[in-house]
Amino acid sequence: MSRRVLWVAIGVLALVQGWDAWTHRPLPRPAGVLVTSEPVQRDLVAARPFVRDGFTLTPLASFEFEARVLMVSRYRFDEESALSPLDLGIGWGRMSDTAVIDQLGLRQSVRFLTWRWRHAPPIPEPEITRSAANIHVIPANSVVERQIAALRPGQIVAAKGVLVEAARDDGWRWRSSLSRDDGGNGACELMYVESILIKD
């Protein structure tokens, strides 16, 4: 590859990343709790597994939420991206309050949503864990995928679907958390998202 072609490729990549950053810039929000309700999870009785893109998905619980979008990330190259191309970070309660969020350094990478603070957490750390979630999104269709991919931090959304365990014939498995209190590896929700609505 010639040096000129390399510089053109770098320039195009920079433009794409710049456009992505602009279209996904945070939506300004005043201080105050924007979402008071917690996600609703219900046990399923006799839910049948179904196949999606070569993965067998076993529903574990119905799941719906109204929440503030904290972050959205697209994954293209990891093993899970064939099933779940997007991660959606959400917050409710005081994790939907701009005054709290602005004091946290939020980051979403390698399938985790993490946070840090400068001197002390703005709210107790267990409350942060209980009031935020990183959802590995399995979109039910291309419309849902486009809607989630276009979300901006700060938007209020409502979504419905099911938490699942995914499996492949080679023994690979990926199971959703069923708790809002856990943290670390295995604490994220794996959600088959059937619908999502931007509320504000």
N, C-alpha and C. Protein backbone atom coordinates (compact mmCIF):
# COMPACT_ATOMS: atom_id res chain seq x y z
N MET A 1 0.85 -1.19 0.00
CA MET A 1 0.00 0.00 0.00
C MET A 1 0.90 1.25 0.00
N SER A 2 0.62 2.15 -0.91
CA SER A 2 1.43 3.35 -1.00
C SER A 2 1.12 4.28 0.18
N ARG A 3 2.05 5.21 0.43
CA ARG A 3 1.86 6.14 1.53
C ARG A 3 0.64 7.02 1.30
N ARG A 4 0.39 7.39 0.07
CA ARG A 4 -0.78 8.24 -0.23
C ARG A 4 -2.08 7.51 0.09
N VAL A 5 -2.17 6.24 -0.34
CA VAL A 5 -3.38 5.45 -0.05
C VAL A 5 -3.57 5.30 1.45
N LEU A 6 -2.47 5.09 2.16
CA LEU A 6 -2.54 4.95 3.62
C LEU A 6 -3.09 6.21 4.27
N TRP A 7 -2.61 7.37 3.83
CA TRP A 7 -3.09 8.62 4.40
C TRP A 7 -4.56 8.87 4.07
N VAL A 8 -4.97 8.48 2.86
CA VAL A 8 -6.39 8.61 2.50
C VAL A 8 -7.24 7.71 3.40
N ALA A 9 -6.77 6.48 3.63
CA ALA A 9 -7.51 5.55 4.50
C ALA A 9 -7.61 6.10 5.92
N ILE A 10 -6.52 6.66 6.42
CA ILE A 10 -6.53 7.25 7.76
C ILE A 10 -7.50 8.43 7.82
N GLY A 11 -7.50 9.25 6.76
CA GLY A 11 -8.41 10.38 6.72
C GLY A 11 -9.87 9.96 6.71
N VAL A 12 -10.18 8.94 5.91
CA VAL A 12 -11.56 8.44 5.86
C VAL A 12 -11.98 7.89 7.21
N LEU A 13 -11.09 7.14 7.85
CA LEU A 13 -11.39 6.59 9.16
C LEU A 13 -11.64 7.70 10.18
N ALA A 14 -10.83 8.74 10.12
CA ALA A 14 -11.01 9.87 11.04
C ALA A 14 -12.35 10.56 10.80
N LEU A 15 -12.72 10.73 9.53
CA LEU A 15 -14.02 11.34 9.22
C LEU A 15 -15.17 10.49 9.73
N VAL A 16 -15.09 9.17 9.54
CA VAL A 16 -16.14 8.27 10.00
C VAL A 16 -16.27 8.34 11.52
N GLN A 17 -15.13 8.31 12.21
CA GLN A 17 -15.16 8.37 13.67
C GLN A 17 -15.68 9.72 14.15
N GLY A 18 -15.29 10.79 13.46
CA GLY A 18 -15.79 12.11 13.82
C GLY A 18 -17.29 12.24 13.64
N TRP A 19 -17.79 11.70 12.53
CA TRP A 19 -19.23 11.73 12.27
C TRP A 19 -19.98 10.90 13.30
N ASP A 20 -19.41 9.74 13.65
CA ASP A 20 -20.05 8.89 14.65
C ASP A 20 -20.10 9.60 16.00
N ALA A 21 -19.00 10.26 16.37
CA ALA A 21 -18.98 10.99 17.64
C ALA A 21 -20.00 12.14 17.65
N TRP A 22 -20.15 12.81 16.50
CA TRP A 22 -21.10 13.92 16.41
C TRP A 22 -22.53 13.43 16.50
N THR A 23 -22.87 12.38 15.76
CA THR A 23 -24.25 11.89 15.75
C THR A 23 -24.62 11.21 17.07
N HIS A 24 -23.62 10.78 17.86
CA HIS A 24 -23.90 10.13 19.14
C HIS A 24 -23.49 11.02 20.32
N ARG A 25 -23.41 12.32 20.10
CA ARG A 25 -23.04 13.22 21.19
C ARG A 25 -24.15 13.21 22.25
N PRO A 26 -23.77 13.36 23.51
CA PRO A 26 -24.76 13.32 24.59
C PRO A 26 -25.82 14.41 24.44
N LEU A 27 -27.03 14.07 24.80
CA LEU A 27 -28.13 15.01 24.80
C LEU A 27 -28.11 15.78 26.14
N PRO A 28 -28.06 17.10 26.10
CA PRO A 28 -28.01 17.85 27.37
C PRO A 28 -29.27 17.60 28.21
N ARG A 29 -29.07 17.40 29.50
CA ARG A 29 -30.18 17.17 30.42
C ARG A 29 -29.96 17.96 31.70
N PRO A 30 -31.01 18.53 32.28
CA PRO A 30 -30.87 19.23 33.56
C PRO A 30 -30.65 18.23 34.69
N ALA A 31 -30.18 18.73 35.81
CA ALA A 31 -30.02 17.87 36.99
C ALA A 31 -31.37 17.41 37.49
N GLY A 32 -31.39 16.25 38.12
CA GLY A 32 -32.62 15.68 38.65
C GLY A 32 -32.84 14.28 38.12
N VAL A 33 -33.49 13.45 38.90
CA VAL A 33 -33.79 12.08 38.49
C VAL A 33 -34.80 12.10 37.34
N LEU A 34 -34.45 11.48 36.24
CA LEU A 34 -35.32 11.47 35.06
C LEU A 34 -36.17 10.22 34.97
N VAL A 35 -35.71 9.12 35.57
CA VAL A 35 -36.46 7.85 35.53
C VAL A 35 -36.53 7.30 36.95
N THR A 36 -37.74 7.19 37.47
CA THR A 36 -37.90 6.71 38.85
C THR A 36 -38.15 5.20 38.92
N SER A 37 -38.68 4.62 37.86
CA SER A 37 -39.04 3.20 37.90
C SER A 37 -37.83 2.31 37.65
N GLU A 38 -37.85 1.10 38.23
CA GLU A 38 -36.80 0.12 38.02
C GLU A 38 -37.23 -0.85 36.92
N PRO A 39 -36.27 -1.53 36.30
CA PRO A 39 -36.65 -2.57 35.31
C PRO A 39 -37.56 -3.62 35.94
N VAL A 40 -38.42 -4.18 35.11
CA VAL A 40 -39.37 -5.20 35.57
C VAL A 40 -38.97 -6.53 34.94
N GLN A 41 -38.73 -7.51 35.79
CA GLN A 41 -38.33 -8.84 35.34
C GLN A 41 -39.34 -9.85 35.87
N ARG A 42 -39.81 -10.74 35.01
CA ARG A 42 -40.78 -11.75 35.42
C ARG A 42 -40.33 -13.13 34.94
N ASP A 43 -40.53 -14.11 35.81
CA ASP A 43 -40.20 -15.48 35.44
C ASP A 43 -41.08 -15.94 34.30
N LEU A 44 -40.53 -16.83 33.48
CA LEU A 44 -41.28 -17.40 32.37
C LEU A 44 -41.59 -18.87 32.67
N VAL A 45 -42.75 -19.30 32.26
CA VAL A 45 -43.16 -20.69 32.46
C VAL A 45 -43.19 -21.38 31.11
N ALA A 46 -42.45 -22.47 30.99
CA ALA A 46 -42.44 -23.31 29.79
C ALA A 46 -42.09 -22.52 28.53
N ALA A 47 -41.15 -21.59 28.65
CA ALA A 47 -40.71 -20.84 27.46
C ALA A 47 -39.86 -21.75 26.58
N ARG A 48 -40.11 -21.72 25.30
CA ARG A 48 -39.42 -22.60 24.38
C ARG A 48 -38.19 -21.95 23.76
N PRO A 49 -37.09 -22.69 23.67
CA PRO A 49 -35.90 -22.16 22.99
C PRO A 49 -36.21 -21.89 21.51
N PHE A 50 -35.47 -20.96 20.92
CA PHE A 50 -35.61 -20.69 19.50
C PHE A 50 -34.23 -20.42 18.92
N VAL A 51 -34.12 -20.57 17.62
CA VAL A 51 -32.82 -20.45 16.96
C VAL A 51 -32.73 -19.10 16.27
N ARG A 52 -31.57 -18.45 16.45
CA ARG A 52 -31.32 -17.15 15.82
C ARG A 52 -29.88 -17.13 15.32
N ASP A 53 -29.70 -17.04 14.00
CA ASP A 53 -28.37 -16.92 13.40
C ASP A 53 -27.41 -18.02 13.84
N GLY A 54 -27.92 -19.24 13.98
CA GLY A 54 -27.07 -20.36 14.36
C GLY A 54 -26.90 -20.52 15.86
N PHE A 55 -27.50 -19.66 16.65
CA PHE A 55 -27.46 -19.74 18.11
C PHE A 55 -28.83 -20.20 18.62
N THR A 56 -28.84 -21.06 19.61
CA THR A 56 -30.08 -21.44 20.28
C THR A 56 -30.26 -20.54 21.49
N LEU A 57 -31.37 -19.81 21.52
CA LEU A 57 -31.66 -18.88 22.61
C LEU A 57 -32.74 -19.47 23.50
N THR A 58 -32.43 -19.59 24.79
CA THR A 58 -33.39 -20.09 25.76
C THR A 58 -33.86 -18.93 26.63
N PRO A 59 -35.13 -18.54 26.54
CA PRO A 59 -35.64 -17.44 27.36
C PRO A 59 -35.58 -17.80 28.85
N LEU A 60 -35.08 -16.86 29.65
CA LEU A 60 -34.96 -17.06 31.10
C LEU A 60 -35.98 -16.24 31.87
N ALA A 61 -36.29 -15.04 31.39
CA ALA A 61 -37.23 -14.15 32.06
C ALA A 61 -37.64 -13.06 31.10
N SER A 62 -38.87 -12.57 31.24
CA SER A 62 -39.25 -11.39 30.49
C SER A 62 -38.59 -10.18 31.16
N PHE A 63 -38.31 -9.16 30.36
CA PHE A 63 -37.57 -8.00 30.89
C PHE A 63 -38.02 -6.77 30.15
N GLU A 64 -38.37 -5.75 30.89
CA GLU A 64 -38.70 -4.47 30.28
C GLU A 64 -38.20 -3.35 31.18
N PHE A 65 -37.86 -2.25 30.54
CA PHE A 65 -37.32 -1.14 31.32
C PHE A 65 -37.63 0.19 30.65
N GLU A 66 -37.67 1.21 31.50
CA GLU A 66 -37.56 2.59 31.06
C GLU A 66 -36.30 3.12 31.71
N ALA A 67 -35.43 3.76 30.93
CA ALA A 67 -34.13 4.15 31.47
C ALA A 67 -33.52 5.27 30.65
N ARG A 68 -32.52 5.88 31.25
CA ARG A 68 -31.70 6.87 30.54
C ARG A 68 -30.56 6.14 29.84
N VAL A 69 -30.32 6.49 28.60
CA VAL A 69 -29.18 5.92 27.88
C VAL A 69 -27.90 6.55 28.42
N LEU A 70 -26.99 5.69 28.85
CA LEU A 70 -25.68 6.16 29.33
C LEU A 70 -24.64 6.07 28.23
N MET A 71 -24.63 4.96 27.51
CA MET A 71 -23.66 4.75 26.43
C MET A 71 -24.20 3.70 25.47
N VAL A 72 -23.72 3.74 24.24
CA VAL A 72 -24.00 2.71 23.24
C VAL A 72 -22.70 2.39 22.52
N SER A 73 -22.40 1.11 22.38
CA SER A 73 -21.20 0.69 21.66
C SER A 73 -21.53 -0.41 20.68
N ARG A 74 -20.89 -0.34 19.51
CA ARG A 74 -21.05 -1.38 18.50
C ARG A 74 -19.82 -2.27 18.50
N TYR A 75 -20.05 -3.57 18.36
CA TYR A 75 -18.97 -4.55 18.29
C TYR A 75 -19.06 -5.29 16.97
N ARG A 76 -17.93 -5.44 16.33
CA ARG A 76 -17.91 -6.08 15.01
C ARG A 76 -16.98 -7.29 14.94
N PHE A 77 -16.01 -7.38 15.82
CA PHE A 77 -14.95 -8.35 15.62
C PHE A 77 -14.82 -9.39 16.72
N ASP A 78 -15.56 -9.24 17.83
CA ASP A 78 -15.45 -10.25 18.87
C ASP A 78 -16.35 -11.43 18.53
N GLU A 79 -16.17 -12.51 19.26
CA GLU A 79 -16.92 -13.74 18.97
C GLU A 79 -18.42 -13.55 19.12
N GLU A 80 -18.82 -12.68 20.03
CA GLU A 80 -20.23 -12.49 20.33
C GLU A 80 -20.95 -11.58 19.34
N SER A 81 -20.21 -10.83 18.52
CA SER A 81 -20.84 -9.81 17.69
C SER A 81 -21.78 -10.37 16.63
N ALA A 82 -21.59 -11.62 16.24
CA ALA A 82 -22.51 -12.24 15.28
C ALA A 82 -23.92 -12.35 15.85
N LEU A 83 -24.00 -12.44 17.17
CA LEU A 83 -25.30 -12.53 17.84
C LEU A 83 -25.73 -11.19 18.40
N SER A 84 -24.80 -10.51 19.07
CA SER A 84 -25.10 -9.26 19.76
C SER A 84 -24.14 -8.17 19.27
N PRO A 85 -24.56 -7.38 18.28
CA PRO A 85 -23.66 -6.36 17.72
C PRO A 85 -23.57 -5.08 18.54
N LEU A 86 -24.42 -4.95 19.56
CA LEU A 86 -24.47 -3.69 20.32
C LEU A 86 -24.54 -3.96 21.82
N ASP A 87 -23.91 -3.08 22.58
CA ASP A 87 -24.11 -3.01 24.02
C ASP A 87 -24.78 -1.69 24.34
N LEU A 88 -25.75 -1.74 25.23
CA LEU A 88 -26.50 -0.55 25.64
C LEU A 88 -26.35 -0.37 27.14
N GLY A 89 -25.71 0.72 27.54
CA GLY A 89 -25.60 1.06 28.95
C GLY A 89 -26.76 1.95 29.36
N ILE A 90 -27.44 1.59 30.43
CA ILE A 90 -28.63 2.33 30.87
C ILE A 90 -28.54 2.62 32.36
N GLY A 91 -29.28 3.66 32.79
CA GLY A 91 -29.36 4.00 34.20
C GLY A 91 -30.76 4.44 34.57
N TRP A 92 -31.12 4.22 35.82
CA TRP A 92 -32.42 4.64 36.34
C TRP A 92 -32.20 5.11 37.78
N GLY A 93 -33.25 5.64 38.39
CA GLY A 93 -33.06 6.20 39.73
C GLY A 93 -32.01 7.31 39.67
N ARG A 94 -31.12 7.36 40.66
CA ARG A 94 -30.13 8.43 40.66
C ARG A 94 -29.06 8.26 39.58
N MET A 95 -29.02 7.10 38.93
CA MET A 95 -28.14 6.95 37.77
C MET A 95 -28.78 7.49 36.50
N SER A 96 -29.91 8.15 36.62
CA SER A 96 -30.48 8.92 35.50
C SER A 96 -30.36 10.41 35.74
N ASP A 97 -29.66 10.80 36.82
CA ASP A 97 -29.51 12.20 37.23
C ASP A 97 -28.20 12.75 36.67
N THR A 98 -28.29 13.79 35.89
CA THR A 98 -27.10 14.40 35.30
C THR A 98 -26.10 14.83 36.38
N ALA A 99 -26.58 15.28 37.52
CA ALA A 99 -25.69 15.72 38.59
C ALA A 99 -24.81 14.57 39.08
N VAL A 100 -25.33 13.35 39.03
CA VAL A 100 -24.56 12.16 39.42
C VAL A 100 -23.67 11.71 38.28
N ILE A 101 -24.24 11.61 37.10
CA ILE A 101 -23.50 11.09 35.94
C ILE A 101 -22.28 11.95 35.63
N ASP A 102 -22.43 13.27 35.76
CA ASP A 102 -21.31 14.17 35.45
C ASP A 102 -20.13 13.99 36.40
N GLN A 103 -20.34 13.36 37.53
CA GLN A 103 -19.24 13.11 38.47
C GLN A 103 -18.62 11.73 38.29
N LEU A 104 -19.13 10.98 37.33
CA LEU A 104 -18.62 9.64 37.07
C LEU A 104 -17.94 9.60 35.71
N GLY A 105 -16.80 8.99 35.63
CA GLY A 105 -16.18 8.75 34.33
C GLY A 105 -16.68 7.43 33.80
N LEU A 106 -17.67 7.48 32.93
CA LEU A 106 -18.26 6.26 32.38
C LEU A 106 -17.47 5.80 31.16
N ARG A 107 -17.32 4.49 31.03
CA ARG A 107 -16.62 3.93 29.88
C ARG A 107 -17.27 2.60 29.53
N GLN A 108 -17.36 2.35 28.24
CA GLN A 108 -17.93 1.09 27.75
C GLN A 108 -16.95 0.48 26.77
N SER A 109 -16.39 -0.67 27.13
CA SER A 109 -15.44 -1.35 26.24
C SER A 109 -15.34 -2.81 26.65
N VAL A 110 -14.91 -3.61 25.70
CA VAL A 110 -14.76 -5.07 25.86
C VAL A 110 -15.94 -5.67 26.63
N ARG A 111 -17.14 -5.19 26.27
CA ARG A 111 -18.39 -5.73 26.79
C ARG A 111 -18.65 -5.42 28.26
N PHE A 112 -18.01 -4.37 28.77
CA PHE A 112 -18.26 -3.94 30.14
C PHE A 112 -18.61 -2.45 30.16
N LEU A 113 -19.46 -2.07 31.10
CA LEU A 113 -19.71 -0.66 31.43
C LEU A 113 -19.02 -0.41 32.76
N THR A 114 -18.07 0.50 32.77
CA THR A 114 -17.33 0.78 34.00
C THR A 114 -17.45 2.26 34.35
N TRP A 115 -17.14 2.56 35.61
CA TRP A 115 -17.20 3.94 36.08
C TRP A 115 -16.08 4.18 37.07
N ARG A 116 -15.72 5.44 37.18
CA ARG A 116 -14.72 5.84 38.17
C ARG A 116 -15.06 7.26 38.61
N TRP A 117 -14.43 7.69 39.71
CA TRP A 117 -14.66 9.02 40.24
C TRP A 117 -13.35 9.59 40.73
N ARG A 118 -13.32 10.89 40.93
CA ARG A 118 -12.07 11.55 41.28
C ARG A 118 -11.72 11.38 42.76
N HIS A 119 -12.61 11.73 43.66
CA HIS A 119 -12.31 11.68 45.09
C HIS A 119 -13.20 10.68 45.82
N ALA A 120 -14.49 10.79 45.62
CA ALA A 120 -15.45 9.89 46.26
C ALA A 120 -16.64 9.72 45.32
N PRO A 121 -17.30 8.57 45.37
CA PRO A 121 -18.47 8.38 44.48
C PRO A 121 -19.58 9.36 44.85
N PRO A 122 -20.30 9.87 43.85
CA PRO A 122 -21.37 10.83 44.14
C PRO A 122 -22.54 10.20 44.87
N ILE A 123 -22.73 8.91 44.70
CA ILE A 123 -23.72 8.13 45.45
C ILE A 123 -23.02 6.83 45.86
N PRO A 124 -23.54 6.09 46.82
CA PRO A 124 -22.87 4.85 47.24
C PRO A 124 -22.67 3.89 46.06
N GLU A 125 -21.50 3.26 46.03
CA GLU A 125 -21.20 2.38 44.90
C GLU A 125 -22.21 1.25 44.73
N PRO A 126 -22.71 0.62 45.80
CA PRO A 126 -23.74 -0.41 45.59
C PRO A 126 -24.99 0.12 44.88
N GLU A 127 -25.30 1.39 45.13
CA GLU A 127 -26.45 1.99 44.45
C GLU A 127 -26.16 2.20 42.96
N ILE A 128 -24.91 2.57 42.65
CA ILE A 128 -24.53 2.68 41.23
C ILE A 128 -24.74 1.34 40.54
N THR A 129 -24.26 0.27 41.18
CA THR A 129 -24.39 -1.08 40.61
C THR A 129 -25.85 -1.46 40.43
N ARG A 130 -26.68 -1.16 41.43
CA ARG A 130 -28.10 -1.53 41.37
C ARG A 130 -28.90 -0.68 40.40
N SER A 131 -28.38 0.50 40.04
CA SER A 131 -29.17 1.45 39.25
C SER A 131 -28.63 1.64 37.84
N ALA A 132 -27.77 0.74 37.40
CA ALA A 132 -27.23 0.80 36.04
C ALA A 132 -27.05 -0.61 35.52
N ALA A 133 -27.08 -0.75 34.22
CA ALA A 133 -26.91 -2.07 33.61
C ALA A 133 -26.23 -1.92 32.26
N ASN A 134 -25.45 -2.93 31.92
CA ASN A 134 -24.89 -3.02 30.57
C ASN A 134 -25.58 -4.18 29.88
N ILE A 135 -26.32 -3.87 28.85
CA ILE A 135 -27.13 -4.88 28.18
C ILE A 135 -26.47 -5.28 26.86
N HIS A 136 -26.17 -6.57 26.73
CA HIS A 136 -25.74 -7.11 25.45
C HIS A 136 -27.02 -7.30 24.62
N VAL A 137 -27.14 -6.53 23.56
CA VAL A 137 -28.40 -6.48 22.79
C VAL A 137 -28.39 -7.52 21.66
N ILE A 138 -29.41 -8.37 21.67
CA ILE A 138 -29.72 -9.22 20.52
C ILE A 138 -30.96 -8.61 19.88
N PRO A 139 -30.81 -7.85 18.81
CA PRO A 139 -31.98 -7.19 18.22
C PRO A 139 -32.90 -8.19 17.53
N ALA A 140 -34.19 -8.05 17.76
CA ALA A 140 -35.15 -8.96 17.16
C ALA A 140 -35.22 -8.81 15.64
N ASN A 141 -34.88 -7.62 15.14
CA ASN A 141 -34.92 -7.38 13.70
C ASN A 141 -34.03 -6.18 13.38
N SER A 142 -33.92 -5.88 12.09
CA SER A 142 -33.03 -4.81 11.66
C SER A 142 -33.53 -3.43 12.10
N VAL A 143 -34.84 -3.27 12.26
CA VAL A 143 -35.39 -1.99 12.72
C VAL A 143 -34.93 -1.70 14.14
N VAL A 144 -35.05 -2.69 15.02
CA VAL A 144 -34.61 -2.53 16.40
C VAL A 144 -33.11 -2.25 16.45
N GLU A 145 -32.34 -2.95 15.63
CA GLU A 145 -30.89 -2.73 15.61
C GLU A 145 -30.56 -1.29 15.21
N ARG A 146 -31.22 -0.77 14.18
CA ARG A 146 -30.96 0.60 13.75
C ARG A 146 -31.38 1.61 14.81
N GLN A 147 -32.50 1.36 15.47
CA GLN A 147 -32.97 2.27 16.50
C GLN A 147 -31.96 2.37 17.65
N ILE A 148 -31.45 1.22 18.08
CA ILE A 148 -30.51 1.22 19.20
C ILE A 148 -29.17 1.82 18.78
N ALA A 149 -28.73 1.49 17.58
CA ALA A 149 -27.45 2.01 17.09
C ALA A 149 -27.47 3.54 16.99
N ALA A 150 -28.64 4.12 16.80
CA ALA A 150 -28.75 5.58 16.63
C ALA A 150 -28.98 6.33 17.94
N LEU A 151 -29.09 5.62 19.06
CA LEU A 151 -29.38 6.29 20.33
C LEU A 151 -28.24 7.20 20.77
N ARG A 152 -28.61 8.25 21.48
CA ARG A 152 -27.64 9.19 22.04
C ARG A 152 -27.70 9.13 23.56
N PRO A 153 -26.55 9.20 24.23
CA PRO A 153 -26.57 9.30 25.69
C PRO A 153 -27.44 10.47 26.13
N GLY A 154 -28.25 10.21 27.14
CA GLY A 154 -29.17 11.23 27.64
C GLY A 154 -30.60 10.99 27.22
N GLN A 155 -30.82 10.23 26.16
CA GLN A 155 -32.19 9.94 25.75
C GLN A 155 -32.86 8.99 26.75
N ILE A 156 -34.17 9.11 26.85
CA ILE A 156 -34.96 8.21 27.69
C ILE A 156 -35.64 7.22 26.78
N VAL A 157 -35.46 5.93 27.06
CA VAL A 157 -36.01 4.89 26.20
C VAL A 157 -36.78 3.88 27.03
N ALA A 158 -37.71 3.19 26.36
CA ALA A 158 -38.43 2.07 26.96
C ALA A 158 -38.25 0.88 26.04
N ALA A 159 -37.94 -0.27 26.60
CA ALA A 159 -37.68 -1.46 25.80
C ALA A 159 -38.34 -2.68 26.44
N LYS A 160 -38.68 -3.64 25.58
CA LYS A 160 -39.27 -4.90 26.04
C LYS A 160 -38.58 -6.06 25.34
N GLY A 161 -38.51 -7.18 26.04
CA GLY A 161 -37.92 -8.37 25.45
C GLY A 161 -37.76 -9.46 26.49
N VAL A 162 -36.78 -10.32 26.28
CA VAL A 162 -36.52 -11.42 27.21
C VAL A 162 -35.02 -11.55 27.46
N LEU A 163 -34.67 -11.92 28.68
CA LEU A 163 -33.30 -12.27 29.01
C LEU A 163 -33.10 -13.73 28.62
N VAL A 164 -31.95 -14.03 28.05
CA VAL A 164 -31.76 -15.36 27.46
C VAL A 164 -30.41 -15.95 27.83
N GLU A 165 -30.32 -17.27 27.59
CA GLU A 165 -29.04 -17.95 27.53
C GLU A 165 -28.84 -18.36 26.08
N ALA A 166 -27.67 -18.07 25.54
CA ALA A 166 -27.36 -18.41 24.15
C ALA A 166 -26.39 -19.58 24.14
N ALA A 167 -26.58 -20.48 23.18
CA ALA A 167 -25.70 -21.65 23.07
C ALA A 167 -25.47 -21.96 21.60
N ARG A 168 -24.30 -22.59 21.35
CA ARG A 168 -23.96 -23.06 20.02
C ARG A 168 -23.64 -24.54 20.09
N ASP A 169 -23.68 -25.20 18.95
CA ASP A 169 -23.43 -26.64 18.91
C ASP A 169 -22.03 -27.03 19.37
N ASP A 170 -21.08 -26.10 19.30
CA ASP A 170 -19.71 -26.41 19.71
C ASP A 170 -19.49 -26.31 21.21
N GLY A 171 -20.57 -26.06 21.97
CA GLY A 171 -20.47 -25.99 23.43
C GLY A 171 -20.35 -24.59 23.99
N TRP A 172 -20.19 -23.57 23.12
CA TRP A 172 -20.10 -22.18 23.56
C TRP A 172 -21.43 -21.75 24.20
N ARG A 173 -21.33 -21.02 25.32
CA ARG A 173 -22.53 -20.55 26.01
C ARG A 173 -22.34 -19.12 26.50
N TRP A 174 -23.45 -18.40 26.57
CA TRP A 174 -23.46 -17.02 27.06
C TRP A 174 -24.77 -16.82 27.78
N ARG A 175 -24.72 -16.57 29.08
CA ARG A 175 -25.94 -16.51 29.88
C ARG A 175 -26.14 -15.13 30.49
N SER A 176 -27.37 -14.66 30.45
CA SER A 176 -27.70 -13.37 31.03
C SER A 176 -27.67 -13.43 32.55
N SER A 177 -27.28 -12.33 33.16
CA SER A 177 -27.51 -12.15 34.58
C SER A 177 -29.02 -12.00 34.81
N LEU A 178 -29.46 -12.44 35.96
CA LEU A 178 -30.87 -12.26 36.34
C LEU A 178 -30.99 -11.41 37.60
N SER A 179 -29.92 -10.68 37.92
CA SER A 179 -29.89 -9.85 39.12
C SER A 179 -29.42 -8.46 38.77
N ARG A 180 -29.91 -7.47 39.52
CA ARG A 180 -29.44 -6.10 39.34
C ARG A 180 -28.35 -5.76 40.37
N ASP A 181 -28.07 -6.67 41.28
CA ASP A 181 -27.13 -6.38 42.36
C ASP A 181 -25.72 -6.88 42.09
N ASP A 182 -25.52 -7.65 41.04
CA ASP A 182 -24.21 -8.25 40.81
C ASP A 182 -23.31 -7.30 40.03
N GLY A 183 -22.02 -7.59 40.07
CA GLY A 183 -21.04 -6.79 39.34
C GLY A 183 -19.95 -7.67 38.79
N GLY A 184 -19.15 -7.14 37.88
CA GLY A 184 -18.04 -7.89 37.32
C GLY A 184 -18.45 -8.84 36.22
N ASN A 185 -17.60 -9.82 35.95
CA ASN A 185 -17.84 -10.77 34.87
C ASN A 185 -19.13 -11.55 35.10
N GLY A 186 -19.98 -11.61 34.08
CA GLY A 186 -21.25 -12.32 34.19
C GLY A 186 -22.40 -11.50 34.72
N ALA A 187 -22.16 -10.21 35.01
CA ALA A 187 -23.20 -9.38 35.60
C ALA A 187 -24.06 -8.66 34.57
N CYS A 188 -23.68 -8.72 33.31
CA CYS A 188 -24.44 -8.01 32.28
C CYS A 188 -25.68 -8.81 31.86
N GLU A 189 -26.66 -8.08 31.35
CA GLU A 189 -27.87 -8.72 30.84
C GLU A 189 -27.68 -9.04 29.36
N LEU A 190 -28.09 -10.23 28.98
CA LEU A 190 -28.12 -10.63 27.57
C LEU A 190 -29.58 -10.63 27.17
N MET A 191 -29.98 -9.64 26.38
CA MET A 191 -31.41 -9.39 26.14
C MET A 191 -31.76 -9.47 24.67
N TYR A 192 -32.75 -10.28 24.38
CA TYR A 192 -33.36 -10.31 23.06
C TYR A 192 -34.39 -9.17 23.06
N VAL A 193 -34.05 -8.08 22.38
CA VAL A 193 -34.87 -6.87 22.43
C VAL A 193 -35.91 -6.93 21.32
N GLU A 194 -37.16 -6.99 21.71
CA GLU A 194 -38.27 -7.08 20.75
C GLU A 194 -38.76 -5.72 20.30
N SER A 195 -38.67 -4.73 21.18
CA SER A 195 -39.10 -3.38 20.80
C SER A 195 -38.38 -2.36 21.66
N ILE A 196 -38.18 -1.18 21.09
CA ILE A 196 -37.60 -0.07 21.86
C ILE A 196 -38.24 1.22 21.38
N LEU A 197 -38.54 2.09 22.33
CA LEU A 197 -39.24 3.34 22.05
C LEU A 197 -38.50 4.49 22.70
N ILE A 198 -38.21 5.51 21.92
CA ILE A 198 -37.62 6.72 22.49
C ILE A 198 -38.72 7.56 23.09
N LYS A 199 -38.63 7.84 24.38
CA LYS A 199 -39.68 8.56 25.07
C LYS A 199 -39.37 10.05 25.16
N ASP A 200 -38.08 10.39 25.17
CA ASP A 200 -37.73 11.80 25.31
C ASP A 200 -36.28 12.01 24.88
